[in-house]
Each structure stands twice: as structure tokens, then as C-alpha cells.
Amino acid sequence: MEELIIGGHSISPGKTVQIEMPVVRLYTDTDISMPVHVIRSKIDGPTIFISAAVHGDELNGIEIIRRLIKQKSLRILKGTVIFVPMVNVYGVLNQSRYMPDRRDLNRCFPGSTKGSLAGIVANKFLSEIVKNCEYGIDLHTGAIHRSNLPQIRANLKDQETRELAEVFGVPVLLNSNLRDGSLRESAVQSGTKILLYEAGQALRFDELSIRAGIRGIQNVLAHLGIIKKKKRGDSRKLKVSPFIANTSSWSRANASGIVNNLKNLGDKVQKGDLLAKIGSPFGEIFDSIHASKSGIIIGKQNIPLVQEGDAMFHIAYFSEEDEEIIENIEIMQDDLLPDEKSDS
């Protein structure tokens, strides 16, 4: 097996190591490090990174990685798994999406060793972690006051990436173009196949999203032969077949005011359906939001206050039968939260 060096540490085959990878020093003379947990098998195989909190207020991914690391049953048969629970440590400390320089880290890749603070962190993560990996899964949530239905975003035109996305096992796959400056763009350019998992909302733990993320990562690791595949002996566990959305769009507020939402995350909507009403503090209705096309709501704003132009409902459009997608969303919910109790 090839030597693996991260943050100046050499990690031998068969070792499990926790590393505090130095990033930069603050003006308070405080060193900030990126936590990294590496598990290597003695047997050669794929190397994959699992990362969270590229946006510092997106916390679900931190909990997903924490639970995976704690699992006694997570035995690596071959290859290497690199867990990075907090990429943007600054953002987590400040409960903020952004870096201290107000830059979005996910628009600063590949970065450089002598650029902005965000660029330095991006370059460090790319050079130390991503370029060591053939595969990666980056964990995200919706922005502040917005929730996302568990979904995978990826370049589904690439056959192997699409296969990994389908294996992950959430109902919705969104074919997503690469954005300039994103981790996903730089990972692809370095030859790393990457999935972006979106689920839940910022600054909150969402149990369904966390469990779906854990299971999805386990599915991918098993597919790559890194861990043992689980036996499907329980007939109650129904397989979730994903559906691909090639397009999606946000329905936006056409007035400012107080919102009465009429549709929820995961709902099927028809073109022209009433999604929400916007009114004044005195009860006067200013305007209504209607679906511009038929599809499934995969993201929505939660706060009942809007300004004109705010994005309110993210609707994905499918060529497949919508009823089957709704059924698979219900299967996922019943499977992962059968009694709405946390037993993980």
C-alpha cells in the first residue's frame, strides 16, 4: 500500500489515527486545526473522504460522522476512510456559514497557499485530503431557515458517480452542474468521484436526515468493498429506489409579508397548485405563490416572514411517475423513523 501522509503524519496500513491538521493561526496567536479521523485497513483498496461543515452552520454532517466513528460495527475490510467532521472550523465556532473573511469556503476552491484565509483553508483541504482519495462524500444541509429533503446532488452524467448516487439510497437524485470554486469542481478535476448529500436545515439536528446519511454512507462503503455488506434478511426493510431530477427551480415570493405555507417538504404538487399565501399583519392577503410546474418539493423556507424575491419552495421535476417517488419518500421515513424515537 502507498504511504499516506496527512498534516505531516504518516499513517501506516492497519492503523486508526486522529489528527489535528494545522490550518492557519488567528491574530490572537491561536492555532486553528482541522480535525481528521483516519481508518486504514492492512489490505489495499479505495480511499474515500467523508466531510462535513464546509459551511460552518451545517451541523447534521458533523453528527453523521460522529455516529459513524463511534460505531463498533464499522470495520474496514480494505482501503482507507478519512473522516473530516469540520472543514470550516471557524464557521462552526461562530455558528456561521462563512469564513471570518466573509467568504463562502465552497466558492474558494482550489485556493492557494498565499491567498485569502478561505483560499488557504480550501487549498489545505484539497491538497491534504481530497487529492489522496478516489472517492468523496460531502455532507450539507439547507441554508439558515431552509430545509432540504434528503437528496444527492452529483454529476450523474458520469456513469460511476451515478452508480454511487443510486447506491446511496435516498429517493431523490439531482443532476447538478459543477459550480466555479466549489469543492465538487476541484475534486472532479483532481480525479475524485464525489457525491454531495443535502438534507435538513442549518443549526439543527434532523434525525431523519442524519439516519438517511449514515445509511447512505454505509451503502457506498459496502458497494466499494470497504466494509461488509449488510444482510437484507428483514422483510420489513424495503429498498428505496432513487429517481433522477434533471431540472429544478425555486418558486419565489412576489410580495413581502407574513407567510401561510400550504405545502410541506416532500409533497407532490401540480402546475398551478397553491403553495402559500402572503399577507399583512392585519390579515390582508397580498398575494399567493403557485407552482410553475408539476414536481416534488425538495426544499423550502421555514421562517414565516418573506421579502419580495425570497426563494420559498424548491421544486424538482421528474420524467418518472411522481406517485412512485412519493411512495419511496414514505418508505424512507417509515424505515428510518418507524416510531419517531432515536435508538441509534
Protein backbone atom coordinates (compact mmCIF):
# COMPACT_ATOMS: atom_id res chain seq x y z
CA MET A 1 0.00 0.00 0.00
CA GLU A 2 1.11 3.56 -0.72
CA GLU A 3 2.26 5.75 2.15
CA LEU A 4 -0.47 8.12 3.37
CA ILE A 5 0.68 11.43 4.83
CA ILE A 6 -1.79 13.95 6.23
CA GLY A 7 -0.75 17.04 8.15
CA GLY A 8 2.81 15.76 8.40
CA HIS A 9 1.65 12.45 9.94
CA SER A 10 2.44 9.16 8.21
CA ILE A 11 -0.46 6.71 8.64
CA SER A 12 0.51 3.06 8.25
CA PRO A 13 -1.81 0.32 6.96
CA GLY A 14 -3.92 -1.16 9.75
CA LYS A 15 -3.81 2.00 11.87
CA THR A 16 -6.59 4.27 13.16
CA VAL A 17 -5.36 7.79 13.81
CA GLN A 18 -6.86 11.09 14.93
CA ILE A 19 -5.05 14.14 13.62
CA GLU A 20 -5.35 17.84 14.38
CA MET A 21 -4.25 19.16 10.99
CA PRO A 22 -2.83 22.70 11.32
CA VAL A 23 -4.51 25.22 9.05
CA VAL A 24 -3.58 28.80 9.99
CA ARG A 25 -3.07 30.97 13.05
CA LEU A 26 -5.51 33.69 14.15
CA TYR A 27 -4.43 37.22 15.04
CA THR A 28 -4.92 36.22 18.68
CA ASP A 29 -1.90 33.88 18.21
CA THR A 30 -4.31 30.93 18.41
CA ASP A 31 -3.69 27.94 16.16
CA ILE A 32 -6.73 26.58 14.35
CA SER A 33 -6.64 22.93 13.32
CA MET A 34 -8.93 20.79 11.19
CA PRO A 35 -9.90 17.51 12.94
CA VAL A 36 -9.25 14.39 10.84
CA HIS A 37 -10.02 10.76 11.73
CA VAL A 38 -8.33 8.14 9.52
CA ILE A 39 -9.04 4.40 9.45
CA ARG A 40 -6.73 2.28 7.27
CA SER A 41 -7.04 -1.42 6.53
CA LYS A 42 -3.99 -3.64 6.11
CA ILE A 43 -5.44 -4.63 2.74
CA ASP A 44 -5.13 -2.30 -0.24
CA GLY A 45 -8.33 -0.75 -1.56
CA PRO A 46 -10.11 2.54 -2.35
CA THR A 47 -9.56 5.71 -0.32
CA ILE A 48 -12.64 7.83 0.41
CA PHE A 49 -13.16 11.02 2.39
CA ILE A 50 -16.36 11.90 4.27
CA SER A 51 -16.51 15.63 5.04
CA ALA A 52 -18.91 17.95 6.84
CA ALA A 53 -19.32 21.61 7.80
CA VAL A 54 -17.72 23.15 4.74
CA HIS A 55 -20.42 25.63 5.68
CA GLY A 56 -19.92 26.11 9.41
CA ASP A 57 -23.61 26.28 10.35
CA GLU A 58 -24.49 22.96 8.64
CA LEU A 59 -24.35 20.59 11.59
CA ASN A 60 -26.12 17.38 10.50
CA GLY A 61 -22.97 16.11 8.80
CA ILE A 62 -20.94 16.51 11.99
CA GLU A 63 -23.37 14.24 13.82
CA ILE A 64 -23.42 11.73 10.94
CA ILE A 65 -19.63 11.41 11.08
CA ARG A 66 -19.60 11.32 14.89
CA ARG A 67 -22.03 8.39 14.95
CA LEU A 68 -20.14 6.53 12.22
CA ILE A 69 -16.84 6.86 14.09
CA LYS A 70 -18.49 5.59 17.29
CA GLN A 71 -19.96 2.51 15.59
CA LYS A 72 -18.22 -0.62 16.84
CA SER A 73 -19.52 -2.43 13.77
CA LEU A 74 -17.65 -0.10 11.37
CA ARG A 75 -14.87 -2.49 10.40
CA ILE A 76 -12.78 -1.53 7.39
CA LEU A 77 -12.05 -4.61 5.28
CA LYS A 78 -9.86 -2.86 2.72
CA GLY A 79 -8.80 0.61 1.74
CA THR A 80 -8.94 3.82 3.77
CA VAL A 81 -11.69 6.06 5.14
CA ILE A 82 -10.85 9.67 6.01
CA PHE A 83 -13.44 11.43 8.17
CA VAL A 84 -13.32 15.24 8.37
CA PRO A 85 -16.21 16.33 10.65
CA MET A 86 -15.42 20.07 10.49
CA VAL A 87 -13.77 21.55 7.41
CA ASN A 88 -14.74 25.14 8.28
CA VAL A 89 -13.83 25.12 11.97
CA TYR A 90 -14.10 28.92 12.08
CA GLY A 91 -17.71 28.79 10.91
CA VAL A 92 -18.63 26.12 13.48
CA LEU A 93 -17.15 28.23 16.28
CA ASN A 94 -19.19 31.23 15.16
CA GLN A 95 -22.27 29.23 14.10
CA SER A 96 -21.84 30.86 10.70
CA ARG A 97 -21.95 29.62 7.13
CA TYR A 98 -18.94 31.73 6.22
CA MET A 99 -15.26 32.15 6.98
CA PRO A 100 -14.09 35.11 9.12
CA ASP A 101 -13.26 36.99 5.91
CA ARG A 102 -16.96 36.64 4.94
CA ARG A 103 -16.14 34.31 2.07
CA ASP A 104 -18.08 31.16 1.26
CA LEU A 105 -15.49 28.38 1.55
CA ASN A 106 -17.36 26.35 -1.06
CA ARG A 107 -16.65 29.05 -3.65
CA CYS A 108 -12.92 29.33 -2.87
CA PHE A 109 -11.53 26.05 -4.20
CA PRO A 110 -8.86 25.17 -5.24
CA GLY A 111 -7.48 28.10 -3.23
CA SER A 112 -3.78 28.73 -2.73
CA THR A 113 -1.12 28.77 -0.03
CA LYS A 114 -0.82 32.56 -0.22
CA GLY A 115 -4.38 33.66 -0.94
CA SER A 116 -7.24 34.72 1.31
CA LEU A 117 -7.96 32.93 4.58
CA ALA A 118 -10.73 30.94 2.88
CA GLY A 119 -8.39 30.15 -0.02
CA ILE A 120 -5.71 28.84 2.35
CA VAL A 121 -8.20 26.52 4.10
CA ALA A 122 -9.60 25.32 0.75
CA ASN A 123 -6.11 24.61 -0.58
CA LYS A 124 -5.14 22.75 2.60
CA PHE A 125 -8.21 20.51 2.47
CA LEU A 126 -7.78 19.83 -1.24
CA SER A 127 -4.08 19.05 -1.12
CA GLU A 128 -4.01 17.10 2.16
CA ILE A 129 -7.31 15.19 1.92
CA VAL A 130 -9.09 15.23 -1.43
CA LYS A 131 -6.07 14.52 -3.63
CA ASN A 132 -5.38 11.37 -1.59
CA CYS A 133 -8.85 9.99 -2.41
CA GLU A 134 -10.55 8.29 -5.34
CA TYR A 135 -13.97 8.99 -3.82
CA GLY A 136 -15.64 11.51 -1.55
CA ILE A 137 -18.97 12.31 0.11
CA ASP A 138 -19.53 15.91 1.20
CA LEU A 139 -22.34 16.46 3.72
CA HIS A 140 -24.53 19.59 3.64
CA THR A 141 -27.89 20.95 4.84
CA GLY A 142 -30.19 23.69 3.67
CA ALA A 143 -29.20 27.28 4.49
CA ILE A 144 -30.45 29.15 7.56
CA HIS A 145 -34.26 28.88 7.86
CA ARG A 146 -34.43 26.40 4.94
CA SER A 147 -34.89 22.63 4.96
CA ASN A 148 -33.90 20.12 2.30
CA LEU A 149 -35.40 16.69 1.69
CA PRO A 150 -32.63 14.06 1.83
CA GLN A 151 -31.11 14.12 -1.65
CA ILE A 152 -27.89 13.50 -3.54
CA ARG A 153 -26.51 16.10 -5.93
CA ALA A 154 -23.85 14.95 -8.35
CA ASN A 155 -22.69 14.83 -11.94
CA LEU A 156 -25.00 11.99 -12.93
CA LYS A 157 -23.70 12.02 -16.49
CA ASP A 158 -20.62 10.23 -15.18
CA GLN A 159 -21.56 6.55 -15.01
CA GLU A 160 -19.61 5.59 -11.87
CA THR A 161 -20.74 8.69 -9.99
CA ARG A 162 -24.33 7.93 -10.94
CA GLU A 163 -23.94 4.35 -9.71
CA LEU A 164 -22.65 5.57 -6.33
CA ALA A 165 -25.52 8.08 -6.11
CA GLU A 166 -28.07 5.34 -6.74
CA VAL A 167 -26.42 3.06 -4.18
CA PHE A 168 -26.59 5.80 -1.52
CA GLY A 169 -30.31 5.10 -1.35
CA VAL A 170 -32.26 8.34 -0.94
CA PRO A 171 -35.41 8.97 -3.01
CA VAL A 172 -34.16 11.99 -4.97
CA LEU A 173 -31.04 12.38 -7.11
CA LEU A 174 -30.46 15.80 -8.61
CA ASN A 175 -28.22 16.08 -11.65
CA SER A 176 -26.22 19.14 -10.69
CA ASN A 177 -23.70 21.05 -12.78
CA LEU A 178 -20.34 21.89 -11.24
CA ARG A 179 -20.09 25.37 -9.74
CA ASP A 180 -16.99 27.50 -10.14
CA GLY A 181 -14.89 27.47 -7.00
CA SER A 182 -16.76 24.56 -5.38
CA LEU A 183 -15.19 21.60 -3.62
CA ARG A 184 -17.03 19.34 -6.05
CA GLU A 185 -15.49 21.05 -9.09
CA SER A 186 -11.94 20.82 -7.70
CA ALA A 187 -12.46 17.21 -6.59
CA VAL A 188 -13.59 16.19 -10.07
CA GLN A 189 -10.64 17.99 -11.64
CA SER A 190 -8.30 16.02 -9.37
CA GLY A 191 -9.93 12.74 -10.44
CA THR A 192 -12.07 12.19 -7.33
CA LYS A 193 -15.65 10.94 -7.75
CA ILE A 194 -17.80 12.91 -5.33
CA LEU A 195 -21.37 12.95 -4.02
CA LEU A 196 -22.96 15.92 -2.26
CA TYR A 197 -25.56 14.90 0.32
CA GLU A 198 -28.13 17.62 1.15
CA ALA A 199 -30.60 17.13 3.99
CA GLY A 200 -32.17 19.07 6.87
CA GLN A 201 -31.52 22.68 7.82
CA ALA A 202 -28.70 24.79 9.24
CA LEU A 203 -28.01 24.92 13.01
CA ARG A 204 -30.37 21.99 13.71
CA PHE A 205 -30.08 18.22 14.02
CA ASP A 206 -32.70 16.42 11.94
CA GLU A 207 -32.96 12.75 12.88
CA LEU A 208 -34.36 11.54 9.56
CA SER A 209 -31.59 13.35 7.66
CA ILE A 210 -28.91 12.01 10.00
CA ARG A 211 -30.08 8.40 9.75
CA ALA A 212 -30.50 8.61 5.97
CA GLY A 213 -26.97 9.99 5.72
CA ILE A 214 -25.47 7.26 7.91
CA ARG A 215 -27.20 4.52 5.93
CA GLY A 216 -26.27 6.11 2.63
CA ILE A 217 -22.57 6.29 3.53
CA GLN A 218 -22.65 2.69 4.73
CA ASN A 219 -24.26 1.68 1.42
CA VAL A 220 -21.50 3.40 -0.57
CA LEU A 221 -18.70 1.94 1.58
CA ALA A 222 -20.20 -1.54 1.19
CA HIS A 223 -20.56 -1.07 -2.58
CA LEU A 224 -16.86 -0.17 -2.80
CA GLY A 225 -15.95 -3.23 -0.72
CA ILE A 226 -14.55 -1.11 2.11
CA ILE A 227 -16.98 -2.57 4.66
CA LYS A 228 -19.06 -5.74 4.67
CA LYS A 229 -22.46 -5.60 3.01
CA LYS A 230 -25.40 -5.90 5.39
CA LYS A 231 -27.68 -8.88 5.02
CA ARG A 232 -31.16 -7.96 3.83
CA GLY A 233 -32.91 -10.59 5.88
CA ASP A 234 -35.53 -8.28 7.37
CA SER A 235 -38.52 -8.24 5.01
CA ARG A 236 -39.77 -5.03 6.61
CA LYS A 237 -36.78 -3.13 5.26
CA LEU A 238 -37.94 -2.02 1.84
CA LYS A 239 -35.44 -0.73 -0.69
CA VAL A 240 -35.69 2.93 -1.67
CA SER A 241 -35.28 3.30 -5.42
CA PRO A 242 -33.98 6.76 -6.32
CA PHE A 243 -35.45 8.94 -9.05
CA ILE A 244 -33.41 11.40 -11.05
CA ALA A 245 -34.41 15.03 -11.43
CA ASN A 246 -32.58 16.72 -14.29
CA THR A 247 -34.08 20.12 -13.53
CA SER A 248 -35.32 22.04 -10.50
CA SER A 249 -36.23 25.62 -9.66
CA TRP A 250 -37.25 27.84 -6.76
CA SER A 251 -40.67 29.46 -6.50
CA ARG A 252 -40.10 32.96 -5.14
CA ALA A 253 -42.17 35.40 -3.11
CA ASN A 254 -43.89 38.00 -5.26
CA ALA A 255 -44.64 40.23 -2.26
CA SER A 256 -43.26 40.95 1.22
CA GLY A 257 -45.22 39.88 4.27
CA ILE A 258 -46.24 37.09 6.64
CA VAL A 259 -46.47 33.60 5.14
CA ASN A 260 -49.07 30.87 5.49
CA ASN A 261 -47.48 27.76 3.97
CA LEU A 262 -49.93 25.25 2.49
CA LYS A 263 -47.42 22.66 1.25
CA ASN A 264 -44.62 20.76 3.02
CA LEU A 265 -41.29 19.17 2.23
CA GLY A 266 -41.77 16.02 0.13
CA ASP A 267 -45.23 16.99 -1.13
CA LYS A 268 -46.19 16.36 -4.73
CA VAL A 269 -47.53 19.46 -6.47
CA GLN A 270 -49.24 20.03 -9.80
CA LYS A 271 -48.66 23.03 -12.01
CA GLY A 272 -50.79 25.89 -10.68
CA ASP A 273 -51.19 24.42 -7.15
CA LEU A 274 -51.39 26.99 -4.35
CA LEU A 275 -48.20 26.72 -2.27
CA ALA A 276 -48.51 29.65 0.15
CA LYS A 277 -50.32 32.90 0.87
CA ILE A 278 -48.57 36.14 1.80
CA GLY A 279 -50.38 38.73 3.89
CA SER A 280 -50.11 41.75 6.15
CA PRO A 281 -50.01 41.80 9.99
CA PHE A 282 -53.71 42.80 9.81
CA GLY A 283 -54.76 39.70 7.86
CA GLU A 284 -54.98 41.24 4.39
CA ILE A 285 -53.79 38.82 1.66
CA PHE A 286 -51.25 40.48 -0.61
CA ASP A 287 -50.52 37.63 -2.98
CA SER A 288 -50.26 33.86 -3.44
CA ILE A 289 -47.44 31.54 -4.55
CA HIS A 290 -48.31 28.90 -7.13
CA ALA A 291 -46.29 26.01 -8.56
CA SER A 292 -44.98 26.89 -12.02
CA LYS A 293 -44.57 23.19 -12.92
CA SER A 294 -45.55 19.79 -11.54
CA GLY A 295 -42.99 18.08 -9.30
CA ILE A 296 -41.85 17.30 -5.75
CA ILE A 297 -40.92 19.87 -3.09
CA ILE A 298 -37.30 19.05 -2.16
CA GLY A 299 -36.52 22.28 -0.31
CA LYS A 300 -38.47 25.03 1.44
CA GLN A 301 -38.10 28.14 3.55
CA ASN A 302 -39.20 27.65 7.16
CA ILE A 303 -39.38 31.17 8.57
CA PRO A 304 -42.92 32.62 8.10
CA LEU A 305 -41.59 36.03 7.03
CA VAL A 306 -40.55 36.90 3.47
CA GLN A 307 -39.27 39.77 1.43
CA GLU A 308 -40.29 40.05 -2.21
CA GLY A 309 -37.97 37.84 -4.28
CA ASP A 310 -37.10 35.40 -1.45
CA ALA A 311 -36.77 31.76 -2.53
CA MET A 312 -39.57 29.79 -0.84
CA PHE A 313 -40.12 26.36 -2.44
CA HIS A 314 -37.50 24.29 -4.30
CA ILE A 315 -39.33 22.01 -6.72
CA ALA A 316 -37.66 19.14 -8.61
CA TYR A 317 -39.10 17.95 -11.90
CA PHE A 318 -39.09 14.28 -12.85
CA SER A 319 -39.84 12.36 -16.00
CA GLU A 320 -40.88 9.33 -13.90
CA GLU A 321 -44.21 8.82 -12.18
CA ASP A 322 -44.44 11.18 -9.20
CA GLU A 323 -46.56 8.75 -7.17
CA GLU A 324 -43.67 6.27 -7.05
CA ILE A 325 -41.32 8.97 -5.75
CA ILE A 326 -43.77 9.92 -3.00
CA GLU A 327 -44.07 6.24 -2.06
CA ASN A 328 -40.28 5.96 -1.77
CA ILE A 329 -40.12 9.07 0.43
CA GLU A 330 -42.68 7.44 2.73
CA ILE A 331 -40.70 4.17 2.72
CA MET A 332 -37.56 6.03 3.79
CA GLN A 333 -39.41 7.80 6.61
CA ASP A 334 -41.08 4.61 7.88
CA ASP A 335 -37.81 2.66 7.65
CA LEU A 336 -35.58 5.18 9.42
CA LEU A 337 -38.11 6.62 11.90
CA PRO A 338 -40.59 3.80 12.50
CA ASP A 339 -41.56 5.05 15.95
CA GLU A 340 -40.01 8.56 15.82
CA LYS A 341 -37.62 7.56 18.60
CA SER A 342 -33.86 7.84 18.47
CA ASP A 343 -32.31 4.42 19.00
CA SER A 344 -29.05 4.94 17.15
